[in-house]
Amino acid sequence: MYQWSFRDPDGQVLYVGKSVTLRTRLASYFATDRERKVIAMTRRAATVDWHLTSSEVRSEEHTSELQSH
């Protein structure tokens, strides 16, 4: 399970996501037919961090850790 986070220029987490297919899912954020909120987020994002987790449970734990900061 892949997990990624969009971060603003200050390093603050804007969004955390997870998927089995990282490339396809991340590409959807930059497609031409996006929602306004997705467009706004990707414009604010300075970086996209990603990593591979050992399980969906670990991915959920890591998501909670990122969102609590």
N, C-alpha and C. Protein backbone atom coordinates (compact mmCIF):
# COMPACT_ATOMS: atom_id res chain seq x y z
N MET A 1 0.86 -1.17 0.00
CA MET A 1 0.00 0.00 0.00
C MET A 1 0.90 1.23 0.00
N TYR A 2 0.70 2.11 -0.98
CA TYR A 2 1.43 3.36 -1.04
C TYR A 2 0.68 4.43 -0.28
N GLN A 3 1.43 5.34 0.32
CA GLN A 3 0.84 6.46 1.02
C GLN A 3 1.59 7.71 0.61
N TRP A 4 0.87 8.82 0.45
CA TRP A 4 1.51 10.06 0.07
C TRP A 4 0.88 11.21 0.83
N SER A 5 1.61 12.31 0.87
CA SER A 5 1.08 13.52 1.47
C SER A 5 1.48 14.72 0.63
N PHE A 6 0.53 15.60 0.41
CA PHE A 6 0.80 16.89 -0.22
C PHE A 6 1.14 17.83 0.93
N ARG A 7 2.22 18.61 0.75
CA ARG A 7 2.63 19.56 1.78
C ARG A 7 2.79 20.96 1.20
N ASP A 8 2.49 21.95 2.02
CA ASP A 8 2.65 23.34 1.59
C ASP A 8 4.11 23.76 1.73
N PRO A 9 4.46 24.99 1.34
CA PRO A 9 5.85 25.43 1.42
C PRO A 9 6.45 25.40 2.83
N ASP A 10 5.60 25.47 3.86
CA ASP A 10 6.07 25.41 5.25
C ASP A 10 6.18 23.99 5.78
N GLY A 11 5.84 23.00 4.95
CA GLY A 11 5.92 21.61 5.36
C GLY A 11 4.67 21.08 6.04
N GLN A 12 3.64 21.90 6.11
CA GLN A 12 2.38 21.47 6.72
C GLN A 12 1.65 20.53 5.78
N VAL A 13 1.07 19.49 6.35
CA VAL A 13 0.34 18.50 5.55
C VAL A 13 -0.98 19.09 5.09
N LEU A 14 -1.20 19.05 3.78
CA LEU A 14 -2.47 19.50 3.19
C LEU A 14 -3.44 18.34 3.01
N TYR A 15 -2.87 17.18 2.67
CA TYR A 15 -3.70 16.01 2.38
C TYR A 15 -2.86 14.75 2.48
N VAL A 16 -3.44 13.70 3.00
CA VAL A 16 -2.79 12.39 3.06
C VAL A 16 -3.67 11.40 2.31
N GLY A 17 -3.07 10.62 1.43
CA GLY A 17 -3.82 9.64 0.67
C GLY A 17 -3.11 8.30 0.64
N LYS A 18 -3.82 7.29 0.18
CA LYS A 18 -3.23 5.96 0.05
C LYS A 18 -3.88 5.24 -1.11
N SER A 19 -3.11 4.35 -1.70
CA SER A 19 -3.60 3.60 -2.85
C SER A 19 -2.67 2.44 -3.15
N VAL A 20 -3.19 1.45 -3.84
CA VAL A 20 -2.37 0.34 -4.28
C VAL A 20 -1.55 0.75 -5.50
N THR A 21 -2.10 1.64 -6.34
CA THR A 21 -1.42 2.09 -7.55
C THR A 21 -1.09 3.58 -7.42
N LEU A 22 0.08 3.88 -6.95
CA LEU A 22 0.50 5.26 -6.69
C LEU A 22 0.47 6.13 -7.94
N ARG A 23 1.05 5.67 -9.00
CA ARG A 23 1.16 6.48 -10.22
C ARG A 23 -0.21 6.92 -10.74
N THR A 24 -1.13 5.99 -10.85
CA THR A 24 -2.46 6.29 -11.36
C THR A 24 -3.19 7.27 -10.44
N ARG A 25 -3.10 7.02 -9.16
CA ARG A 25 -3.83 7.87 -8.21
C ARG A 25 -3.27 9.28 -8.18
N LEU A 26 -1.95 9.42 -8.11
CA LEU A 26 -1.37 10.76 -8.10
C LEU A 26 -1.63 11.50 -9.41
N ALA A 27 -1.59 10.78 -10.51
CA ALA A 27 -1.87 11.41 -11.81
C ALA A 27 -3.27 12.01 -11.85
N SER A 28 -4.21 11.40 -11.15
CA SER A 28 -5.59 11.91 -11.15
C SER A 28 -5.68 13.30 -10.53
N TYR A 29 -4.76 13.66 -9.65
CA TYR A 29 -4.77 14.99 -9.04
C TYR A 29 -4.36 16.08 -10.03
N PHE A 30 -3.73 15.68 -11.12
CA PHE A 30 -3.25 16.64 -12.10
C PHE A 30 -3.96 16.51 -13.45
N ALA A 31 -5.04 15.76 -13.49
CA ALA A 31 -5.84 15.61 -14.71
C ALA A 31 -6.59 16.92 -14.99
N THR A 32 -7.08 17.07 -16.18
CA THR A 32 -7.76 18.32 -16.55
C THR A 32 -9.16 18.45 -15.96
N ASP A 33 -9.80 17.35 -15.61
CA ASP A 33 -11.17 17.41 -15.10
C ASP A 33 -11.22 17.20 -13.59
N ARG A 34 -10.59 18.13 -12.86
CA ARG A 34 -10.53 18.03 -11.39
C ARG A 34 -11.56 18.94 -10.73
N GLU A 35 -11.88 18.64 -9.49
CA GLU A 35 -12.76 19.51 -8.71
C GLU A 35 -11.98 20.75 -8.28
N ARG A 36 -12.69 21.82 -7.97
CA ARG A 36 -12.04 23.06 -7.56
C ARG A 36 -11.16 22.88 -6.33
N LYS A 37 -11.63 22.11 -5.36
CA LYS A 37 -10.84 21.94 -4.14
C LYS A 37 -9.53 21.20 -4.41
N VAL A 38 -9.54 20.29 -5.37
CA VAL A 38 -8.32 19.57 -5.74
C VAL A 38 -7.36 20.51 -6.46
N ILE A 39 -7.88 21.36 -7.32
CA ILE A 39 -7.06 22.34 -8.02
C ILE A 39 -6.40 23.28 -7.01
N ALA A 40 -7.17 23.76 -6.05
CA ALA A 40 -6.64 24.66 -5.03
C ALA A 40 -5.54 23.98 -4.21
N MET A 41 -5.76 22.73 -3.83
CA MET A 41 -4.77 22.01 -3.03
C MET A 41 -3.47 21.81 -3.81
N THR A 42 -3.58 21.38 -5.06
CA THR A 42 -2.37 21.11 -5.83
C THR A 42 -1.61 22.40 -6.12
N ARG A 43 -2.29 23.51 -6.21
CA ARG A 43 -1.60 24.80 -6.39
C ARG A 43 -0.86 25.21 -5.12
N ARG A 44 -1.42 24.90 -3.97
CA ARG A 44 -0.76 25.24 -2.70
C ARG A 44 0.39 24.30 -2.38
N ALA A 45 0.33 23.10 -2.90
CA ALA A 45 1.34 22.08 -2.56
C ALA A 45 2.71 22.45 -3.12
N ALA A 46 3.72 22.32 -2.27
CA ALA A 46 5.10 22.54 -2.69
C ALA A 46 5.80 21.21 -2.93
N THR A 47 5.38 20.19 -2.17
CA THR A 47 5.99 18.86 -2.30
C THR A 47 4.95 17.77 -2.16
N VAL A 48 5.29 16.61 -2.69
CA VAL A 48 4.51 15.40 -2.49
C VAL A 48 5.48 14.36 -1.97
N ASP A 49 5.27 13.92 -0.74
CA ASP A 49 6.09 12.87 -0.15
C ASP A 49 5.34 11.56 -0.28
N TRP A 50 6.04 10.46 -0.51
CA TRP A 50 5.38 9.16 -0.59
C TRP A 50 6.28 8.08 -0.03
N HIS A 51 5.64 7.00 0.40
CA HIS A 51 6.38 5.82 0.84
C HIS A 51 5.47 4.60 0.78
N LEU A 52 6.09 3.46 0.85
CA LEU A 52 5.38 2.18 0.80
C LEU A 52 5.22 1.67 2.22
N THR A 53 3.98 1.35 2.59
CA THR A 53 3.73 0.79 3.92
C THR A 53 3.57 -0.73 3.82
N SER A 54 3.78 -1.38 4.95
CA SER A 54 3.73 -2.84 4.96
C SER A 54 2.31 -3.40 4.93
N SER A 55 1.33 -2.57 5.33
CA SER A 55 -0.06 -3.05 5.35
C SER A 55 -1.01 -1.86 5.40
N GLU A 56 -2.27 -2.14 5.19
CA GLU A 56 -3.27 -1.07 5.28
C GLU A 56 -3.38 -0.56 6.72
N VAL A 57 -3.21 -1.45 7.67
CA VAL A 57 -3.27 -1.05 9.09
C VAL A 57 -2.15 -0.05 9.38
N ARG A 58 -0.94 -0.36 8.93
CA ARG A 58 0.18 0.54 9.15
C ARG A 58 -0.04 1.87 8.42
N SER A 59 -0.65 1.81 7.26
CA SER A 59 -0.95 3.03 6.52
C SER A 59 -1.92 3.91 7.30
N GLU A 60 -2.94 3.31 7.90
CA GLU A 60 -3.90 4.06 8.72
C GLU A 60 -3.22 4.69 9.93
N GLU A 61 -2.32 3.94 10.57
CA GLU A 61 -1.58 4.46 11.72
C GLU A 61 -0.74 5.67 11.31
N HIS A 62 -0.05 5.55 10.19
CA HIS A 62 0.80 6.64 9.72
C HIS A 62 -0.04 7.85 9.33
N THR A 63 -1.19 7.63 8.72
CA THR A 63 -2.10 8.73 8.37
C THR A 63 -2.51 9.48 9.62
N SER A 64 -2.86 8.76 10.67
CA SER A 64 -3.24 9.40 11.94
C SER A 64 -2.10 10.23 12.52
N GLU A 65 -0.89 9.69 12.44
CA GLU A 65 0.28 10.41 12.93
C GLU A 65 0.48 11.71 12.17
N LEU A 66 0.37 11.67 10.85
CA LEU A 66 0.57 12.87 10.03
C LEU A 66 -0.51 13.91 10.30
N GLN A 67 -1.74 13.48 10.44
CA GLN A 67 -2.85 14.41 10.62
C GLN A 67 -2.87 15.03 12.01
N SER A 68 -2.22 14.40 12.97
CA SER A 68 -2.24 14.95 14.33
C SER A 68 -1.18 16.03 14.54
N HIS A 69 -0.27 16.20 13.60
CA HIS A 69 0.78 17.23 13.75
C HIS A 69 0.34 18.57 13.26
